[in-house]
Amino acid sequence: MFTRRAAHTVRTYATQASQSTAPPVQLHGLAGKYASALYTAAAKKNALQQVEADLKGLRSTIGADAKIHDFLSNPVLSSSDKLAGIDVLLKAASPKGASDLTRNLFVVLSENGRLYETDKVIEGFAELMQAYRGEAKITITSAQPLDKDVQKRLEDALKQSKVANQAKNVVFEYKSNESVLGGLTVDFGDRTIDLSVASRVSRLNQQLGEGI
């Protein structure tokens, strides 16, 4: 009897441990697979926050220098040059030293010729961490930056949405994209609310085409 109970307890703990290291949401695409694998590896070593900090530093470093984008997308660099570049990049992004898990990710991306997926992998990992914390991310895109008063009114309205009510915390992200022309788009979860002038122009062109 004791043996059976002990075995059951061990299986229960093993199952719970497996569930706790599994990605909280499923990501799609190749970059999603890399991000999910990194999440699981970091969760097993209790290093999620450290890896997250590494990737945030990398995102800032990459965004500040167009030459880094050229490096990540260069298909003709030798393996040794890629590894040397990765070490320089990680040192710049994490002066105190990046996690071995973070470095291993980039070594694998380099070996597989997938360094150009870096931005998407970082974005995917950030999405996993938001889900892990029970956060809902709402992205608002407008042609020009919105002033604080408009942002506050939008946030107050969006916090009443079903997505926001189901989340422990809501994170707002603002982007500018001139192709929107005017108005804005709101992305949350798997939904998009398109209130842009560009979408209205597109619908008008479609209607004109159908009329002809």
N, C-alpha and C. Protein backbone atom coordinates (compact mmCIF):
# COMPACT_ATOMS: atom_id res chain seq x y z
N MET A 1 0.84 -1.21 0.00
CA MET A 1 0.00 0.00 0.00
C MET A 1 0.87 1.26 0.00
N PHE A 2 1.87 1.27 0.92
CA PHE A 2 2.75 2.44 1.01
C PHE A 2 3.50 2.65 -0.31
N THR A 3 3.94 1.54 -0.90
CA THR A 3 4.70 1.64 -2.15
C THR A 3 3.86 2.25 -3.26
N ARG A 4 2.58 1.82 -3.34
CA ARG A 4 1.70 2.36 -4.37
C ARG A 4 1.45 3.85 -4.15
N ARG A 5 1.26 4.24 -2.88
CA ARG A 5 1.02 5.65 -2.57
C ARG A 5 2.26 6.48 -2.90
N ALA A 6 3.42 5.95 -2.56
CA ALA A 6 4.66 6.67 -2.84
C ALA A 6 4.85 6.86 -4.34
N ALA A 7 4.57 5.79 -5.08
CA ALA A 7 4.72 5.87 -6.54
C ALA A 7 3.75 6.89 -7.12
N HIS A 8 2.51 6.90 -6.59
CA HIS A 8 1.51 7.86 -7.06
C HIS A 8 1.96 9.28 -6.76
N THR A 9 2.52 9.50 -5.57
CA THR A 9 2.99 10.83 -5.18
C THR A 9 4.10 11.30 -6.09
N VAL A 10 5.04 10.41 -6.39
CA VAL A 10 6.16 10.76 -7.28
C VAL A 10 5.64 11.14 -8.66
N ARG A 11 4.68 10.36 -9.18
CA ARG A 11 4.13 10.67 -10.50
C ARG A 11 3.41 12.02 -10.49
N THR A 12 2.71 12.30 -9.40
CA THR A 12 1.99 13.57 -9.28
C THR A 12 2.95 14.74 -9.32
N TYR A 13 4.01 14.66 -8.52
CA TYR A 13 5.00 15.73 -8.50
C TYR A 13 5.68 15.88 -9.86
N ALA A 14 5.97 14.76 -10.50
CA ALA A 14 6.62 14.79 -11.81
C ALA A 14 5.72 15.47 -12.84
N THR A 15 4.42 15.17 -12.77
CA THR A 15 3.46 15.78 -13.69
C THR A 15 3.37 17.28 -13.45
N GLN A 16 3.30 17.68 -12.17
CA GLN A 16 3.22 19.09 -11.83
C GLN A 16 4.46 19.83 -12.29
N ALA A 17 5.62 19.21 -12.12
CA ALA A 17 6.88 19.83 -12.54
C ALA A 17 6.90 20.02 -14.04
N SER A 18 6.41 19.00 -14.76
CA SER A 18 6.37 19.08 -16.22
C SER A 18 5.45 20.19 -16.67
N GLN A 19 4.28 20.31 -16.01
CA GLN A 19 3.32 21.35 -16.37
C GLN A 19 3.87 22.73 -16.07
N SER A 20 4.63 22.87 -14.98
CA SER A 20 5.13 24.18 -14.58
C SER A 20 6.22 24.68 -15.50
N THR A 21 6.89 23.79 -16.22
CA THR A 21 7.94 24.21 -17.14
C THR A 21 7.46 24.30 -18.58
N ALA A 22 6.24 23.87 -18.83
CA ALA A 22 5.69 23.94 -20.18
C ALA A 22 5.28 25.37 -20.50
N PRO A 23 5.42 25.81 -21.75
CA PRO A 23 4.99 27.16 -22.13
C PRO A 23 3.51 27.36 -21.81
N PRO A 24 3.13 28.54 -21.27
CA PRO A 24 1.74 28.78 -20.87
C PRO A 24 0.78 28.91 -22.04
N VAL A 25 1.29 29.26 -23.20
CA VAL A 25 0.45 29.33 -24.41
C VAL A 25 1.24 28.73 -25.57
N GLN A 26 0.52 28.32 -26.58
CA GLN A 26 1.18 27.72 -27.75
C GLN A 26 1.49 28.80 -28.78
N LEU A 27 2.75 28.83 -29.20
CA LEU A 27 3.17 29.75 -30.25
C LEU A 27 3.32 28.98 -31.56
N HIS A 28 3.10 29.67 -32.66
CA HIS A 28 3.17 29.01 -33.96
C HIS A 28 4.38 29.52 -34.74
N GLY A 29 4.76 28.78 -35.74
CA GLY A 29 5.87 29.18 -36.58
C GLY A 29 7.21 28.74 -36.02
N LEU A 30 8.25 28.88 -36.84
CA LEU A 30 9.58 28.44 -36.45
C LEU A 30 10.12 29.24 -35.26
N ALA A 31 9.94 30.57 -35.30
CA ALA A 31 10.41 31.40 -34.19
C ALA A 31 9.69 31.03 -32.90
N GLY A 32 8.41 30.68 -33.01
CA GLY A 32 7.65 30.26 -31.84
C GLY A 32 8.21 29.00 -31.21
N LYS A 33 8.70 28.09 -32.05
CA LYS A 33 9.30 26.85 -31.53
C LYS A 33 10.58 27.14 -30.76
N TYR A 34 11.40 28.05 -31.29
CA TYR A 34 12.64 28.41 -30.60
C TYR A 34 12.32 29.10 -29.27
N ALA A 35 11.35 30.03 -29.30
CA ALA A 35 10.98 30.75 -28.08
C ALA A 35 10.43 29.80 -27.03
N SER A 36 9.62 28.84 -27.45
CA SER A 36 9.02 27.87 -26.53
C SER A 36 10.08 26.96 -25.93
N ALA A 37 11.04 26.53 -26.76
CA ALA A 37 12.12 25.67 -26.27
C ALA A 37 12.97 26.42 -25.25
N LEU A 38 13.23 27.70 -25.52
CA LEU A 38 14.01 28.51 -24.58
C LEU A 38 13.25 28.68 -23.27
N TYR A 39 11.94 28.92 -23.36
CA TYR A 39 11.12 29.08 -22.15
C TYR A 39 11.20 27.82 -21.28
N THR A 40 11.02 26.66 -21.89
CA THR A 40 11.04 25.41 -21.14
C THR A 40 12.40 25.19 -20.49
N ALA A 41 13.47 25.43 -21.24
CA ALA A 41 14.82 25.25 -20.69
C ALA A 41 15.07 26.21 -19.52
N ALA A 42 14.63 27.46 -19.67
CA ALA A 42 14.82 28.45 -18.61
C ALA A 42 13.97 28.13 -17.38
N ALA A 43 12.74 27.65 -17.61
CA ALA A 43 11.86 27.30 -16.49
C ALA A 43 12.45 26.15 -15.68
N LYS A 44 13.05 25.19 -16.36
CA LYS A 44 13.65 24.05 -15.66
C LYS A 44 14.81 24.47 -14.77
N LYS A 45 15.50 25.54 -15.16
CA LYS A 45 16.64 26.02 -14.38
C LYS A 45 16.29 27.23 -13.52
N ASN A 46 14.99 27.54 -13.45
CA ASN A 46 14.52 28.68 -12.66
C ASN A 46 15.23 29.97 -13.10
N ALA A 47 15.35 30.13 -14.41
CA ALA A 47 16.10 31.26 -14.96
C ALA A 47 15.26 32.11 -15.91
N LEU A 48 13.94 32.07 -15.76
CA LEU A 48 13.08 32.81 -16.67
C LEU A 48 13.36 34.31 -16.63
N GLN A 49 13.49 34.86 -15.42
CA GLN A 49 13.71 36.30 -15.29
C GLN A 49 15.05 36.73 -15.87
N GLN A 50 16.07 35.90 -15.67
CA GLN A 50 17.39 36.25 -16.20
C GLN A 50 17.39 36.24 -17.72
N VAL A 51 16.80 35.21 -18.30
CA VAL A 51 16.73 35.14 -19.76
C VAL A 51 15.88 36.28 -20.30
N GLU A 52 14.79 36.60 -19.62
CA GLU A 52 13.94 37.71 -20.05
C GLU A 52 14.74 39.01 -20.05
N ALA A 53 15.54 39.23 -19.01
CA ALA A 53 16.36 40.44 -18.94
C ALA A 53 17.39 40.47 -20.08
N ASP A 54 17.98 39.31 -20.36
CA ASP A 54 18.93 39.22 -21.48
C ASP A 54 18.28 39.65 -22.79
N LEU A 55 17.09 39.12 -23.04
CA LEU A 55 16.42 39.37 -24.31
C LEU A 55 15.92 40.81 -24.41
N LYS A 56 15.53 41.39 -23.28
CA LYS A 56 15.14 42.81 -23.30
C LYS A 56 16.34 43.68 -23.65
N GLY A 57 17.49 43.33 -23.07
CA GLY A 57 18.71 44.06 -23.39
C GLY A 57 19.08 43.91 -24.86
N LEU A 58 18.91 42.71 -25.38
CA LEU A 58 19.20 42.46 -26.79
C LEU A 58 18.27 43.25 -27.70
N ARG A 59 17.00 43.29 -27.33
CA ARG A 59 16.04 44.04 -28.16
C ARG A 59 16.43 45.51 -28.23
N SER A 60 16.83 46.09 -27.10
CA SER A 60 17.24 47.50 -27.08
C SER A 60 18.51 47.71 -27.89
N THR A 61 19.47 46.81 -27.73
CA THR A 61 20.75 46.92 -28.44
C THR A 61 20.55 46.80 -29.94
N ILE A 62 19.75 45.83 -30.35
CA ILE A 62 19.50 45.62 -31.78
C ILE A 62 18.76 46.81 -32.38
N GLY A 63 17.79 47.34 -31.64
CA GLY A 63 17.01 48.46 -32.14
C GLY A 63 17.81 49.74 -32.28
N ALA A 64 18.92 49.84 -31.55
CA ALA A 64 19.71 51.07 -31.55
C ALA A 64 20.78 51.09 -32.64
N ASP A 65 20.99 49.99 -33.33
CA ASP A 65 22.08 49.93 -34.31
C ASP A 65 21.66 49.10 -35.52
N ALA A 66 21.50 49.76 -36.65
CA ALA A 66 21.07 49.07 -37.88
C ALA A 66 22.10 48.05 -38.34
N LYS A 67 23.37 48.25 -37.97
CA LYS A 67 24.42 47.32 -38.39
C LYS A 67 24.21 45.93 -37.77
N ILE A 68 23.58 45.90 -36.60
CA ILE A 68 23.32 44.61 -35.96
C ILE A 68 22.30 43.82 -36.77
N HIS A 69 21.31 44.52 -37.31
CA HIS A 69 20.34 43.86 -38.18
C HIS A 69 21.04 43.27 -39.40
N ASP A 70 22.01 44.03 -39.94
CA ASP A 70 22.76 43.53 -41.09
C ASP A 70 23.53 42.26 -40.72
N PHE A 71 24.11 42.26 -39.52
CA PHE A 71 24.86 41.09 -39.06
C PHE A 71 23.94 39.87 -38.92
N LEU A 72 22.78 40.07 -38.31
CA LEU A 72 21.85 38.96 -38.06
C LEU A 72 21.27 38.40 -39.36
N SER A 73 21.18 39.22 -40.37
CA SER A 73 20.57 38.77 -41.63
C SER A 73 21.60 38.42 -42.70
N ASN A 74 22.89 38.48 -42.36
CA ASN A 74 23.95 38.18 -43.33
C ASN A 74 24.13 36.67 -43.48
N PRO A 75 23.84 36.11 -44.65
CA PRO A 75 23.90 34.65 -44.82
C PRO A 75 25.28 34.12 -45.18
N VAL A 76 26.25 35.01 -45.43
CA VAL A 76 27.55 34.54 -45.93
C VAL A 76 28.65 34.57 -44.88
N LEU A 77 28.37 35.01 -43.68
CA LEU A 77 29.39 35.03 -42.63
C LEU A 77 29.79 33.61 -42.26
N SER A 78 31.06 33.44 -41.93
CA SER A 78 31.54 32.12 -41.49
C SER A 78 31.02 31.84 -40.08
N SER A 79 31.07 30.58 -39.69
CA SER A 79 30.60 30.19 -38.36
C SER A 79 31.40 30.89 -37.27
N SER A 80 32.71 31.00 -37.46
CA SER A 80 33.55 31.65 -36.45
C SER A 80 33.22 33.13 -36.33
N ASP A 81 32.95 33.78 -37.46
CA ASP A 81 32.59 35.20 -37.43
C ASP A 81 31.24 35.40 -36.74
N LYS A 82 30.31 34.49 -37.01
CA LYS A 82 29.00 34.57 -36.37
C LYS A 82 29.11 34.43 -34.85
N LEU A 83 29.89 33.44 -34.40
CA LEU A 83 30.05 33.22 -32.96
C LEU A 83 30.73 34.40 -32.30
N ALA A 84 31.73 34.97 -32.98
CA ALA A 84 32.41 36.14 -32.43
C ALA A 84 31.45 37.31 -32.33
N GLY A 85 30.63 37.48 -33.36
CA GLY A 85 29.65 38.56 -33.35
C GLY A 85 28.60 38.37 -32.27
N ILE A 86 28.19 37.13 -32.05
CA ILE A 86 27.21 36.82 -31.00
C ILE A 86 27.76 37.20 -29.63
N ASP A 87 29.02 36.86 -29.39
CA ASP A 87 29.63 37.18 -28.09
C ASP A 87 29.70 38.69 -27.87
N VAL A 88 30.05 39.43 -28.92
CA VAL A 88 30.10 40.89 -28.81
C VAL A 88 28.71 41.45 -28.54
N LEU A 89 27.72 40.92 -29.25
CA LEU A 89 26.34 41.38 -29.10
C LEU A 89 25.82 41.11 -27.69
N LEU A 90 26.07 39.91 -27.18
CA LEU A 90 25.59 39.56 -25.84
C LEU A 90 26.28 40.39 -24.76
N LYS A 91 27.56 40.68 -24.97
CA LYS A 91 28.29 41.49 -23.99
C LYS A 91 27.74 42.91 -23.95
N ALA A 92 27.38 43.44 -25.12
CA ALA A 92 26.82 44.79 -25.18
C ALA A 92 25.42 44.84 -24.57
N ALA A 93 24.65 43.78 -24.78
CA ALA A 93 23.27 43.74 -24.28
C ALA A 93 23.19 43.41 -22.80
N SER A 94 24.14 42.61 -22.31
CA SER A 94 24.14 42.18 -20.90
C SER A 94 25.54 42.34 -20.33
N PRO A 95 25.91 43.57 -19.93
CA PRO A 95 27.26 43.83 -19.43
C PRO A 95 27.67 42.94 -18.25
N LYS A 96 26.69 42.50 -17.45
CA LYS A 96 27.01 41.66 -16.29
C LYS A 96 27.16 40.18 -16.68
N GLY A 97 26.88 39.89 -17.93
CA GLY A 97 27.01 38.52 -18.41
C GLY A 97 25.68 37.88 -18.71
N ALA A 98 25.51 37.44 -19.94
CA ALA A 98 24.26 36.79 -20.35
C ALA A 98 24.22 35.35 -19.86
N SER A 99 23.02 34.85 -19.69
CA SER A 99 22.83 33.46 -19.29
C SER A 99 23.39 32.51 -20.35
N ASP A 100 23.89 31.36 -19.91
CA ASP A 100 24.34 30.34 -20.86
C ASP A 100 23.19 29.91 -21.76
N LEU A 101 21.97 29.92 -21.21
CA LEU A 101 20.80 29.55 -22.01
C LEU A 101 20.59 30.51 -23.16
N THR A 102 20.79 31.80 -22.89
CA THR A 102 20.63 32.81 -23.94
C THR A 102 21.69 32.63 -25.01
N ARG A 103 22.92 32.42 -24.58
CA ARG A 103 24.00 32.21 -25.55
C ARG A 103 23.76 30.95 -26.37
N ASN A 104 23.33 29.89 -25.70
CA ASN A 104 23.07 28.64 -26.42
C ASN A 104 22.00 28.82 -27.48
N LEU A 105 20.99 29.64 -27.16
CA LEU A 105 19.95 29.91 -28.15
C LEU A 105 20.56 30.49 -29.42
N PHE A 106 21.43 31.48 -29.25
CA PHE A 106 22.00 32.14 -30.42
C PHE A 106 23.00 31.26 -31.15
N VAL A 107 23.66 30.38 -30.44
CA VAL A 107 24.54 29.42 -31.09
C VAL A 107 23.71 28.50 -31.99
N VAL A 108 22.58 28.04 -31.47
CA VAL A 108 21.70 27.15 -32.25
C VAL A 108 21.12 27.90 -33.45
N LEU A 109 20.67 29.14 -33.23
CA LEU A 109 20.14 29.94 -34.34
C LEU A 109 21.20 30.12 -35.42
N SER A 110 22.44 30.36 -34.98
CA SER A 110 23.53 30.55 -35.92
C SER A 110 23.82 29.27 -36.70
N GLU A 111 23.91 28.16 -35.98
CA GLU A 111 24.22 26.88 -36.63
C GLU A 111 23.14 26.48 -37.64
N ASN A 112 21.90 26.85 -37.34
CA ASN A 112 20.79 26.49 -38.23
C ASN A 112 20.49 27.56 -39.28
N GLY A 113 21.32 28.61 -39.31
CA GLY A 113 21.11 29.67 -40.28
C GLY A 113 19.83 30.45 -40.04
N ARG A 114 19.49 30.65 -38.75
CA ARG A 114 18.22 31.30 -38.42
C ARG A 114 18.40 32.57 -37.58
N LEU A 115 19.57 33.18 -37.63
CA LEU A 115 19.77 34.39 -36.84
C LEU A 115 18.80 35.50 -37.24
N TYR A 116 18.34 35.46 -38.48
CA TYR A 116 17.39 36.48 -38.94
C TYR A 116 16.04 36.38 -38.22
N GLU A 117 15.82 35.27 -37.50
CA GLU A 117 14.58 35.10 -36.74
C GLU A 117 14.67 35.71 -35.34
N THR A 118 15.80 36.34 -35.03
CA THR A 118 16.04 36.83 -33.67
C THR A 118 14.91 37.70 -33.13
N ASP A 119 14.49 38.70 -33.90
CA ASP A 119 13.43 39.61 -33.43
C ASP A 119 12.15 38.85 -33.08
N LYS A 120 11.78 37.90 -33.94
CA LYS A 120 10.55 37.14 -33.71
C LYS A 120 10.67 36.22 -32.50
N VAL A 121 11.86 35.65 -32.30
CA VAL A 121 12.07 34.79 -31.13
C VAL A 121 11.96 35.60 -29.85
N ILE A 122 12.57 36.77 -29.84
CA ILE A 122 12.50 37.65 -28.66
C ILE A 122 11.05 38.05 -28.39
N GLU A 123 10.33 38.39 -29.45
CA GLU A 123 8.92 38.77 -29.31
C GLU A 123 8.09 37.60 -28.78
N GLY A 124 8.39 36.40 -29.28
CA GLY A 124 7.66 35.21 -28.82
C GLY A 124 7.92 34.92 -27.35
N PHE A 125 9.16 35.06 -26.92
CA PHE A 125 9.49 34.81 -25.51
C PHE A 125 8.78 35.84 -24.62
N ALA A 126 8.74 37.09 -25.07
CA ALA A 126 8.04 38.12 -24.30
C ALA A 126 6.56 37.78 -24.17
N GLU A 127 5.97 37.25 -25.23
CA GLU A 127 4.56 36.85 -25.19
C GLU A 127 4.34 35.72 -24.18
N LEU A 128 5.28 34.78 -24.14
CA LEU A 128 5.18 33.67 -23.18
C LEU A 128 5.28 34.18 -21.74
N MET A 129 6.16 35.14 -21.51
CA MET A 129 6.33 35.68 -20.16
C MET A 129 5.09 36.46 -19.73
N GLN A 130 4.47 37.16 -20.66
CA GLN A 130 3.23 37.87 -20.34
C GLN A 130 2.13 36.90 -19.97
N ALA A 131 2.04 35.80 -20.70
CA ALA A 131 1.04 34.78 -20.38
C ALA A 131 1.36 34.13 -19.04
N TYR A 132 2.62 33.92 -18.76
CA TYR A 132 3.07 33.33 -17.49
C TYR A 132 2.63 34.21 -16.31
N ARG A 133 2.66 35.52 -16.50
CA ARG A 133 2.27 36.45 -15.43
C ARG A 133 0.78 36.76 -15.45
N GLY A 134 0.06 36.22 -16.41
CA GLY A 134 -1.36 36.52 -16.50
C GLY A 134 -1.64 37.90 -17.04
N GLU A 135 -0.71 38.43 -17.84
CA GLU A 135 -0.88 39.76 -18.40
C GLU A 135 -1.57 39.69 -19.77
N ALA A 136 -2.33 40.73 -20.08
CA ALA A 136 -2.93 40.87 -21.40
C ALA A 136 -2.26 42.06 -22.08
N LYS A 137 -1.71 41.83 -23.25
CA LYS A 137 -1.05 42.91 -23.98
C LYS A 137 -1.99 43.48 -25.03
N ILE A 138 -2.16 44.78 -25.00
CA ILE A 138 -3.00 45.47 -25.98
C ILE A 138 -2.10 46.44 -26.75
N THR A 139 -2.01 46.24 -28.05
CA THR A 139 -1.15 47.09 -28.88
C THR A 139 -2.00 48.05 -29.69
N ILE A 140 -1.70 49.34 -29.56
CA ILE A 140 -2.44 50.39 -30.25
C ILE A 140 -1.49 51.05 -31.25
N THR A 141 -1.88 51.01 -32.52
CA THR A 141 -1.03 51.57 -33.58
C THR A 141 -1.74 52.75 -34.23
N SER A 142 -1.05 53.87 -34.33
CA SER A 142 -1.60 55.07 -34.95
C SER A 142 -0.57 55.66 -35.91
N ALA A 143 -1.03 56.55 -36.79
CA ALA A 143 -0.12 57.15 -37.76
C ALA A 143 0.92 58.03 -37.07
N GLN A 144 0.49 58.73 -36.04
CA GLN A 144 1.37 59.61 -35.27
C GLN A 144 1.24 59.26 -33.79
N PRO A 145 2.26 59.53 -32.97
CA PRO A 145 2.16 59.24 -31.54
C PRO A 145 0.95 59.93 -30.91
N LEU A 146 0.26 59.23 -30.04
CA LEU A 146 -0.92 59.77 -29.37
C LEU A 146 -0.52 60.53 -28.12
N ASP A 147 -1.23 61.62 -27.83
CA ASP A 147 -0.90 62.36 -26.60
C ASP A 147 -1.43 61.61 -25.38
N LYS A 148 -0.95 62.00 -24.23
CA LYS A 148 -1.25 61.28 -22.98
C LYS A 148 -2.75 61.24 -22.68
N ASP A 149 -3.45 62.33 -22.98
CA ASP A 149 -4.88 62.37 -22.68
C ASP A 149 -5.64 61.34 -23.52
N VAL A 150 -5.29 61.25 -24.81
CA VAL A 150 -5.94 60.27 -25.68
C VAL A 150 -5.60 58.86 -25.22
N GLN A 151 -4.34 58.64 -24.85
CA GLN A 151 -3.93 57.32 -24.36
C GLN A 151 -4.74 56.91 -23.13
N LYS A 152 -4.92 57.86 -22.20
CA LYS A 152 -5.65 57.54 -20.97
C LYS A 152 -7.10 57.18 -21.27
N ARG A 153 -7.74 57.92 -22.18
CA ARG A 153 -9.13 57.64 -22.51
C ARG A 153 -9.27 56.28 -23.20
N LEU A 154 -8.32 55.97 -24.06
CA LEU A 154 -8.32 54.66 -24.72
C LEU A 154 -8.15 53.54 -23.70
N GLU A 155 -7.20 53.72 -22.80
CA GLU A 155 -6.92 52.69 -21.80
C GLU A 155 -8.11 52.48 -20.88
N ASP A 156 -8.75 53.58 -20.46
CA ASP A 156 -9.93 53.45 -19.59
C ASP A 156 -11.03 52.66 -20.28
N ALA A 157 -11.21 52.89 -21.59
CA ALA A 157 -12.26 52.18 -22.33
C ALA A 157 -11.89 50.72 -22.53
N LEU A 158 -10.63 50.46 -22.90
CA LEU A 158 -10.20 49.09 -23.20
C LEU A 158 -10.11 48.22 -21.95
N LYS A 159 -9.92 48.84 -20.80
CA LYS A 159 -9.86 48.07 -19.55
C LYS A 159 -11.22 47.46 -19.20
N GLN A 160 -12.27 47.92 -19.87
CA GLN A 160 -13.60 47.36 -19.63
C GLN A 160 -13.88 46.16 -20.53
N SER A 161 -12.93 45.83 -21.43
CA SER A 161 -13.14 44.73 -22.37
C SER A 161 -13.04 43.39 -21.66
N LYS A 162 -13.57 42.36 -22.30
CA LYS A 162 -13.55 41.01 -21.74
C LYS A 162 -12.13 40.51 -21.56
N VAL A 163 -11.27 40.79 -22.54
CA VAL A 163 -9.87 40.36 -22.46
C VAL A 163 -9.19 40.95 -21.24
N ALA A 164 -9.41 42.25 -21.02
CA ALA A 164 -8.79 42.92 -19.88
C ALA A 164 -9.33 42.39 -18.56
N ASN A 165 -10.62 42.13 -18.50
CA ASN A 165 -11.23 41.65 -17.25
C ASN A 165 -10.75 40.26 -16.87
N GLN A 166 -10.34 39.47 -17.86
CA GLN A 166 -9.87 38.11 -17.59
C GLN A 166 -8.40 38.07 -17.20
N ALA A 167 -7.69 39.17 -17.37
CA ALA A 167 -6.25 39.21 -17.09
C ALA A 167 -5.97 39.76 -15.70
N LYS A 168 -4.84 39.34 -15.13
CA LYS A 168 -4.41 39.89 -13.85
C LYS A 168 -3.90 41.32 -14.02
N ASN A 169 -3.34 41.58 -15.17
CA ASN A 169 -2.78 42.90 -15.44
C ASN A 169 -2.85 43.18 -16.93
N VAL A 170 -3.01 44.43 -17.30
CA VAL A 170 -3.08 44.81 -18.71
C VAL A 170 -1.88 45.67 -19.05
N VAL A 171 -1.18 45.31 -20.12
CA VAL A 171 -0.01 46.06 -20.58
C VAL A 171 -0.35 46.71 -21.91
N PHE A 172 -0.20 48.03 -21.98
CA PHE A 172 -0.49 48.75 -23.22
C PHE A 172 0.82 49.07 -23.95
N GLU A 173 0.80 48.83 -25.24
CA GLU A 173 1.95 49.15 -26.08
C GLU A 173 1.48 50.06 -27.21
N TYR A 174 2.22 51.15 -27.42
CA TYR A 174 1.85 52.10 -28.47
C TYR A 174 2.89 52.09 -29.58
N LYS A 175 2.40 52.04 -30.82
CA LYS A 175 3.29 52.05 -31.97
C LYS A 175 2.82 53.12 -32.96
N SER A 176 3.77 53.62 -33.74
CA SER A 176 3.45 54.57 -34.80
C SER A 176 3.76 53.94 -36.15
N ASN A 177 2.84 54.10 -37.09
CA ASN A 177 3.02 53.55 -38.43
C ASN A 177 2.30 54.46 -39.41
N GLU A 178 3.07 55.15 -40.24
CA GLU A 178 2.48 56.14 -41.14
C GLU A 178 1.51 55.52 -42.14
N SER A 179 1.65 54.22 -42.41
CA SER A 179 0.76 53.57 -43.37
C SER A 179 -0.68 53.49 -42.87
N VAL A 180 -0.87 53.71 -41.57
CA VAL A 180 -2.23 53.72 -41.01
C VAL A 180 -3.01 54.91 -41.54
N LEU A 181 -2.28 55.99 -41.91
CA LEU A 181 -2.83 57.24 -42.46
C LEU A 181 -3.53 58.07 -41.40
N GLY A 182 -4.48 57.50 -40.71
CA GLY A 182 -5.22 58.20 -39.66
C GLY A 182 -6.01 57.18 -38.87
N GLY A 183 -6.60 57.59 -37.76
CA GLY A 183 -7.29 56.62 -36.92
C GLY A 183 -6.29 55.72 -36.23
N LEU A 184 -6.71 54.49 -35.94
CA LEU A 184 -5.81 53.57 -35.24
C LEU A 184 -6.28 52.13 -35.39
N THR A 185 -5.38 51.21 -35.03
CA THR A 185 -5.73 49.79 -34.94
C THR A 185 -5.43 49.33 -33.52
N VAL A 186 -6.24 48.41 -33.03
CA VAL A 186 -6.07 47.87 -31.68
C VAL A 186 -5.95 46.36 -31.79
N ASP A 187 -4.85 45.82 -31.32
CA ASP A 187 -4.63 44.37 -31.34
C ASP A 187 -4.59 43.84 -29.91
N PHE A 188 -5.39 42.81 -29.63
CA PHE A 188 -5.33 42.16 -28.32
C PHE A 188 -5.74 40.71 -28.49
N GLY A 189 -4.91 39.83 -27.93
CA GLY A 189 -5.16 38.41 -28.11
C GLY A 189 -5.08 38.08 -29.59
N ASP A 190 -6.07 37.39 -30.09
CA ASP A 190 -6.10 37.04 -31.51
C ASP A 190 -7.09 37.92 -32.28
N ARG A 191 -7.42 39.08 -31.71
CA ARG A 191 -8.38 39.97 -32.34
C ARG A 191 -7.73 41.29 -32.73
N THR A 192 -8.26 41.89 -33.79
CA THR A 192 -7.81 43.20 -34.24
C THR A 192 -9.02 44.07 -34.53
N ILE A 193 -9.03 45.26 -33.96
CA ILE A 193 -10.05 46.26 -34.27
C ILE A 193 -9.39 47.29 -35.17
N ASP A 194 -9.83 47.36 -36.41
CA ASP A 194 -9.21 48.26 -37.39
C ASP A 194 -10.07 49.49 -37.59
N LEU A 195 -9.63 50.60 -37.01
CA LEU A 195 -10.35 51.87 -37.12
C LEU A 195 -9.53 52.87 -37.93
N SER A 196 -8.65 52.36 -38.77
CA SER A 196 -7.72 53.22 -39.51
C SER A 196 -8.35 53.77 -40.79
N VAL A 197 -7.82 54.91 -41.22
CA VAL A 197 -8.23 55.48 -42.50
C VAL A 197 -7.81 54.56 -43.64
N ALA A 198 -6.65 53.92 -43.49
CA ALA A 198 -6.15 53.02 -44.53
C ALA A 198 -7.14 51.90 -44.82
N SER A 199 -7.75 51.35 -43.77
CA SER A 199 -8.71 50.26 -43.98
C SER A 199 -9.97 50.77 -44.67
N ARG A 200 -10.38 52.01 -44.34
CA ARG A 200 -11.57 52.57 -44.99
C ARG A 200 -11.30 52.84 -46.47
N VAL A 201 -10.07 53.32 -46.76
CA VAL A 201 -9.69 53.55 -48.16
C VAL A 201 -9.68 52.24 -48.92
N SER A 202 -9.14 51.19 -48.27
CA SER A 202 -9.09 49.87 -48.91
C SER A 202 -10.49 49.34 -49.22
N ARG A 203 -11.41 49.51 -48.25
CA ARG A 203 -12.79 49.06 -48.47
C ARG A 203 -13.46 49.85 -49.59
N LEU A 204 -13.16 51.16 -49.64
CA LEU A 204 -13.74 52.01 -50.69
C LEU A 204 -13.24 51.56 -52.06
N ASN A 205 -11.93 51.30 -52.16
CA ASN A 205 -11.36 50.84 -53.43
C ASN A 205 -11.99 49.52 -53.86
N GLN A 206 -12.22 48.64 -52.89
CA GLN A 206 -12.84 47.34 -53.20
C GLN A 206 -14.26 47.54 -53.72
N GLN A 207 -15.00 48.43 -53.06
CA GLN A 207 -16.38 48.69 -53.48
C GLN A 207 -16.42 49.32 -54.88
N LEU A 208 -15.47 50.22 -55.15
CA LEU A 208 -15.41 50.84 -56.47
C LEU A 208 -15.09 49.80 -57.54
N GLY A 209 -14.17 48.88 -57.19
CA GLY A 209 -13.80 47.82 -58.13
C GLY A 209 -14.97 46.91 -58.42
N GLU A 210 -15.74 46.59 -57.38
CA GLU A 210 -16.91 45.72 -57.57
C GLU A 210 -17.99 46.42 -58.38
N GLY A 211 -18.07 47.75 -58.19
CA GLY A 211 -19.08 48.51 -58.92
C GLY A 211 -18.79 48.55 -60.40
N ILE A 212 -17.48 48.59 -60.73
CA ILE A 212 -17.08 48.59 -62.13
C ILE A 212 -17.27 47.21 -62.73
